[in-house]
Amino acid sequence: NKALEQDEFLLFVQEIRPTDPSLNYVNYEILIRMKGEEEEVIAPGVFLPTAERFNLITKIDLWVIDHTFSWLKKHANKFHPDMHFSVNLSGQSMGDVYVLSHIIELLESGLIEAKKINFEVTETMAIANLKGANDFINAVKKYGCKFSLDDFGSGLSSFGYLKNLNVDVLKIDGMFVRDIMDDAIDEEMVSSINNIGHVMGMETIAEFVENEQIAEKLIDMGVNYLQGYGIGKPRPMDEILKSDS
């Protein structure tokens, strides 16, 4: 509550790199950090579980959304016109009418181009309320935003419901990606998810790409985008103004 009241959160980004060499830009996922009592940077794994437990996660999502839109309004002309920023939405926010109306209000205001925003929702959250998730997704997509399904493959019936969920991008769960050099089953899982995504007209992102060898194998598989510490570590959002403008 104190961090929300006193604006003590920070926006970080992590690169999402295309494997197609003709695309001369990268996308970014928006990440959140919190400033500690001594100005240290606190990782989200420390405070987000508590925020969810005490029903504060929606307020944090709104903080991220508002600050991302404000930052992009100020700096959008410094980036490639086709690049976008991915913003995570919690299950609580996806079920919140106010969050939906607030996002629509921002999009209708024309602060930024809607195509600059790609919302991310986790597979487990989406499957928990398939109709509600689809209603939310469809309402926002009308304005030109896209949606990614994060951690895909972690659910028990992933492929079974996928054709009924109106998303544009599949993020392949990192638990399969990180061991594809040593585990034939994980390699086949990644390949299968990538292939089914493409058949359904979706793009694919592999998470947890930790080294060049994994990256090369994923490129050979035809995965569209790579994300992980081997591609780029999270860094303060303002830093990309220097390197990517």
Protein backbone atom coordinates (compact mmCIF):
# COMPACT_ATOMS: atom_id res chain seq x y z
CA ASN A 1 0.00 0.00 0.00
CA LYS A 2 2.80 2.40 0.86
CA ALA A 3 4.56 1.70 -2.44
CA LEU A 4 1.34 2.39 -4.34
CA GLU A 5 0.63 5.59 -2.43
CA GLN A 6 4.17 6.93 -2.77
CA ASP A 7 4.91 5.72 -6.30
CA GLU A 8 7.72 3.43 -5.21
CA PHE A 9 7.45 0.91 -8.04
CA LEU A 10 9.82 0.76 -11.01
CA LEU A 11 9.27 -0.34 -14.60
CA PHE A 12 11.85 -2.75 -16.03
CA VAL A 13 11.84 -4.37 -19.47
CA GLN A 14 13.17 -7.60 -20.98
CA GLU A 15 13.92 -8.02 -24.66
CA ILE A 16 11.82 -10.31 -26.88
CA ARG A 17 13.99 -10.83 -29.95
CA PRO A 18 12.61 -11.93 -33.34
CA THR A 19 14.32 -14.86 -35.06
CA ASP A 20 13.51 -13.44 -38.49
CA PRO A 21 16.62 -11.44 -39.50
CA SER A 22 14.51 -9.15 -41.69
CA LEU A 23 12.82 -7.69 -38.59
CA ASN A 24 15.16 -4.92 -37.49
CA TYR A 25 13.59 -4.26 -34.10
CA VAL A 26 12.89 -6.01 -30.80
CA ASN A 27 9.82 -6.07 -28.56
CA TYR A 28 9.85 -5.82 -24.78
CA GLU A 29 7.97 -7.30 -21.87
CA ILE A 30 7.16 -4.83 -19.10
CA LEU A 31 8.27 -6.03 -15.65
CA ILE A 32 7.75 -4.47 -12.24
CA ARG A 33 10.17 -3.94 -9.36
CA MET A 34 9.75 -2.20 -6.01
CA LYS A 35 12.06 0.26 -4.27
CA GLY A 36 13.06 -0.86 -0.78
CA GLU A 37 13.62 1.20 2.36
CA GLU A 38 17.26 1.73 1.39
CA GLU A 39 16.59 2.31 -2.32
CA GLU A 40 17.39 -1.32 -3.14
CA VAL A 41 15.46 -2.95 -5.99
CA ILE A 42 13.09 -5.69 -4.78
CA ALA A 43 12.22 -8.52 -7.18
CA PRO A 44 8.53 -9.21 -7.95
CA GLY A 45 8.69 -12.72 -6.50
CA VAL A 46 9.08 -11.11 -3.08
CA PHE A 47 6.02 -8.83 -3.12
CA LEU A 48 3.57 -10.02 -5.80
CA PRO A 49 2.41 -13.17 -3.95
CA THR A 50 1.56 -10.98 -0.95
CA ALA A 51 -0.22 -8.49 -3.21
CA GLU A 52 -2.35 -11.31 -4.63
CA ARG A 53 -3.14 -12.70 -1.19
CA PHE A 54 -4.40 -9.32 0.03
CA ASN A 55 -6.21 -8.41 -3.21
CA LEU A 56 -3.81 -5.64 -4.16
CA ILE A 57 -2.65 -7.14 -7.45
CA THR A 58 -5.28 -5.28 -9.46
CA LYS A 59 -4.02 -1.95 -8.11
CA ILE A 60 -0.49 -2.94 -9.15
CA ASP A 61 -1.69 -3.94 -12.63
CA LEU A 62 -3.40 -0.55 -13.00
CA TRP A 63 -0.20 1.20 -11.86
CA VAL A 64 1.79 -0.66 -14.52
CA ILE A 65 -0.79 0.03 -17.23
CA ASP A 66 -1.03 3.76 -16.44
CA HIS A 67 2.73 4.27 -16.20
CA THR A 68 3.39 2.25 -19.36
CA PHE A 69 0.88 4.29 -21.36
CA SER A 70 2.30 7.53 -19.96
CA TRP A 71 5.90 6.49 -20.77
CA LEU A 72 4.96 5.42 -24.29
CA LYS A 73 3.06 8.64 -24.93
CA LYS A 74 6.27 10.49 -24.16
CA HIS A 75 8.68 8.23 -26.05
CA ALA A 76 6.77 6.18 -28.66
CA ASN A 77 8.21 8.12 -31.60
CA LYS A 78 11.71 6.95 -30.62
CA PHE A 79 10.99 3.32 -31.51
CA HIS A 80 10.30 1.27 -34.63
CA PRO A 81 6.63 1.67 -35.65
CA ASP A 82 6.00 -2.10 -35.58
CA MET A 83 7.45 -2.88 -32.18
CA HIS A 84 5.29 -3.40 -29.09
CA PHE A 85 5.45 -3.68 -25.31
CA SER A 86 3.87 -6.63 -23.46
CA VAL A 87 1.96 -5.91 -20.25
CA ASN A 88 1.03 -8.71 -17.83
CA LEU A 89 -2.50 -8.99 -16.47
CA SER A 90 -3.39 -11.01 -13.37
CA GLY A 91 -6.42 -13.25 -13.10
CA GLN A 92 -7.99 -10.80 -10.65
CA SER A 93 -7.67 -7.97 -13.17
CA MET A 94 -9.15 -10.06 -15.98
CA GLY A 95 -12.24 -10.53 -13.86
CA ASP A 96 -12.50 -6.88 -12.84
CA VAL A 97 -15.00 -4.72 -14.75
CA TYR A 98 -13.24 -1.52 -13.70
CA VAL A 99 -9.90 -2.69 -15.10
CA LEU A 100 -11.53 -3.47 -18.44
CA SER A 101 -13.31 -0.11 -18.60
CA HIS A 102 -10.11 1.70 -17.59
CA ILE A 103 -8.08 0.01 -20.35
CA ILE A 104 -10.78 0.83 -22.91
CA GLU A 105 -10.87 4.44 -21.71
CA LEU A 106 -7.09 4.72 -22.19
CA LEU A 107 -7.29 3.18 -25.66
CA GLU A 108 -10.15 5.46 -26.69
CA SER A 109 -8.25 8.50 -25.46
CA GLY A 110 -5.69 8.04 -28.22
CA LEU A 111 -2.72 8.49 -25.89
CA ILE A 112 -0.81 5.84 -27.84
CA GLU A 113 -1.44 3.47 -30.74
CA ALA A 114 -3.19 0.35 -29.48
CA LYS A 115 -0.87 -1.87 -31.54
CA LYS A 116 1.98 -0.79 -29.25
CA ILE A 117 0.42 -2.87 -26.42
CA ASN A 118 0.31 -6.65 -26.22
CA PHE A 119 -1.34 -7.94 -23.03
CA GLU A 120 -0.09 -11.20 -21.50
CA VAL A 121 -2.29 -13.63 -19.56
CA THR A 122 -1.18 -16.96 -18.12
CA GLU A 123 -2.57 -20.23 -19.37
CA THR A 124 -3.71 -21.38 -15.92
CA MET A 125 -5.57 -18.10 -15.37
CA ALA A 126 -7.26 -18.21 -18.77
CA ILE A 127 -8.44 -21.80 -18.44
CA ALA A 128 -9.85 -21.13 -14.96
CA ASN A 129 -12.48 -18.85 -16.53
CA LEU A 130 -12.43 -19.46 -20.25
CA LYS A 131 -15.56 -17.46 -21.11
CA GLY A 132 -14.62 -14.53 -18.88
CA ALA A 133 -11.10 -14.45 -20.30
CA ASN A 134 -12.39 -14.55 -23.86
CA ASP A 135 -14.92 -11.78 -23.19
CA PHE A 136 -12.16 -9.58 -21.75
CA ILE A 137 -9.76 -10.39 -24.61
CA ASN A 138 -12.34 -9.76 -27.32
CA ALA A 139 -13.39 -6.43 -25.80
CA VAL A 140 -9.81 -5.13 -25.76
CA LYS A 141 -8.75 -6.61 -29.12
CA LYS A 142 -11.43 -4.52 -30.84
CA TYR A 143 -9.16 -1.52 -30.28
CA GLY A 144 -6.10 -3.12 -31.91
CA CYS A 145 -4.20 -4.65 -28.99
CA LYS A 146 -2.98 -8.24 -29.16
CA PHE A 147 -2.88 -10.93 -26.49
CA SER A 148 -0.24 -13.50 -25.58
CA LEU A 149 -0.92 -16.70 -23.67
CA ASP A 150 1.94 -16.98 -21.19
CA ASP A 151 3.44 -20.21 -19.76
CA PHE A 152 1.72 -22.29 -22.42
CA GLY A 153 2.07 -26.03 -21.87
CA SER A 154 1.83 -25.88 -18.08
CA GLY A 155 -1.89 -26.72 -18.06
CA LEU A 156 -3.31 -30.23 -18.17
CA SER A 157 -5.45 -29.73 -21.27
CA SER A 158 -3.56 -27.05 -23.18
CA PHE A 159 -4.30 -28.10 -26.74
CA GLY A 160 -7.88 -29.06 -25.95
CA TYR A 161 -9.13 -25.56 -25.19
CA LEU A 162 -6.64 -23.49 -27.21
CA LYS A 163 -8.82 -23.29 -30.32
CA ASN A 164 -11.54 -21.65 -28.21
CA LEU A 165 -9.29 -18.91 -26.81
CA ASN A 166 -8.83 -15.83 -29.00
CA VAL A 167 -5.12 -15.11 -28.48
CA ASP A 168 -2.48 -14.07 -31.01
CA VAL A 169 0.75 -15.36 -29.47
CA LEU A 170 1.82 -18.49 -27.55
CA LYS A 171 4.64 -18.15 -25.03
CA ILE A 172 6.11 -21.62 -24.62
CA ASP A 173 6.60 -22.45 -20.95
CA GLY A 174 10.27 -22.11 -19.98
CA MET A 175 10.22 -25.40 -18.07
CA PHE A 176 10.30 -27.13 -21.47
CA VAL A 177 12.69 -24.70 -23.17
CA ARG A 178 15.60 -24.68 -20.72
CA ASP A 179 16.39 -28.41 -21.09
CA ILE A 180 15.77 -28.97 -24.81
CA MET A 181 19.47 -29.66 -25.44
CA ASP A 182 19.43 -32.60 -23.02
CA ASP A 183 15.85 -33.86 -22.88
CA ALA A 184 14.24 -35.31 -26.01
CA ILE A 185 10.76 -35.08 -24.49
CA ASP A 186 11.12 -31.38 -23.73
CA GLU A 187 12.46 -30.82 -27.24
CA GLU A 188 9.43 -32.56 -28.74
CA MET A 189 7.05 -30.60 -26.47
CA VAL A 190 8.52 -27.29 -27.64
CA SER A 191 8.37 -28.41 -31.26
CA SER A 192 4.75 -29.54 -30.89
CA ILE A 193 3.61 -26.31 -29.22
CA ASN A 194 5.42 -24.26 -31.86
CA ASN A 195 3.86 -26.24 -34.70
CA ILE A 196 0.29 -26.18 -33.36
CA GLY A 197 0.61 -22.45 -32.73
CA HIS A 198 1.64 -21.85 -36.33
CA VAL A 199 -1.14 -24.07 -37.69
CA MET A 200 -3.61 -21.90 -35.75
CA GLY A 201 -2.14 -18.70 -37.18
CA MET A 202 -0.35 -17.65 -33.98
CA GLU A 203 3.20 -16.48 -33.40
CA THR A 204 5.36 -18.22 -30.81
CA ILE A 205 7.78 -17.01 -28.13
CA ALA A 206 10.19 -19.29 -26.26
CA GLU A 207 10.92 -18.26 -22.67
CA PHE A 208 13.99 -19.13 -20.56
CA VAL A 209 16.42 -19.01 -23.50
CA GLU A 210 19.61 -19.12 -21.45
CA ASN A 211 22.38 -19.62 -24.02
CA GLU A 212 23.28 -19.49 -27.71
CA GLN A 213 22.93 -23.26 -28.20
CA ILE A 214 19.30 -23.22 -27.06
CA ALA A 215 18.66 -20.13 -29.19
CA GLU A 216 20.05 -21.82 -32.30
CA LYS A 217 17.91 -24.93 -31.79
CA LEU A 218 14.79 -22.80 -31.35
CA ILE A 219 15.61 -20.86 -34.51
CA ASP A 220 15.96 -24.18 -36.37
CA MET A 221 12.51 -25.18 -35.05
CA GLY A 222 11.01 -21.99 -36.44
CA VAL A 223 10.04 -20.32 -33.16
CA ASN A 224 9.24 -16.66 -33.91
CA TYR A 225 10.69 -14.89 -30.86
CA LEU A 226 13.20 -15.63 -28.09
CA GLN A 227 13.22 -14.31 -24.52
CA GLY A 228 15.50 -15.11 -21.60
CA TYR A 229 18.79 -14.27 -19.91
CA GLY A 230 20.71 -15.54 -22.95
CA ILE A 231 18.90 -12.92 -25.05
CA GLY A 232 18.76 -10.02 -22.61
CA LYS A 233 18.41 -9.53 -18.87
CA PRO A 234 15.74 -7.27 -17.33
CA ARG A 235 16.83 -3.65 -17.11
CA PRO A 236 15.29 -0.30 -16.19
CA MET A 237 12.89 0.87 -18.88
CA ASP A 238 14.62 4.20 -19.46
CA GLU A 239 17.84 2.42 -20.45
CA ILE A 240 16.38 1.35 -23.78
CA LEU A 241 15.99 5.01 -24.75
CA LYS A 242 19.78 5.16 -25.02
CA SER A 243 20.36 1.88 -26.82
CA ASP A 244 17.28 1.54 -29.04
CA SER A 245 16.28 5.07 -29.95
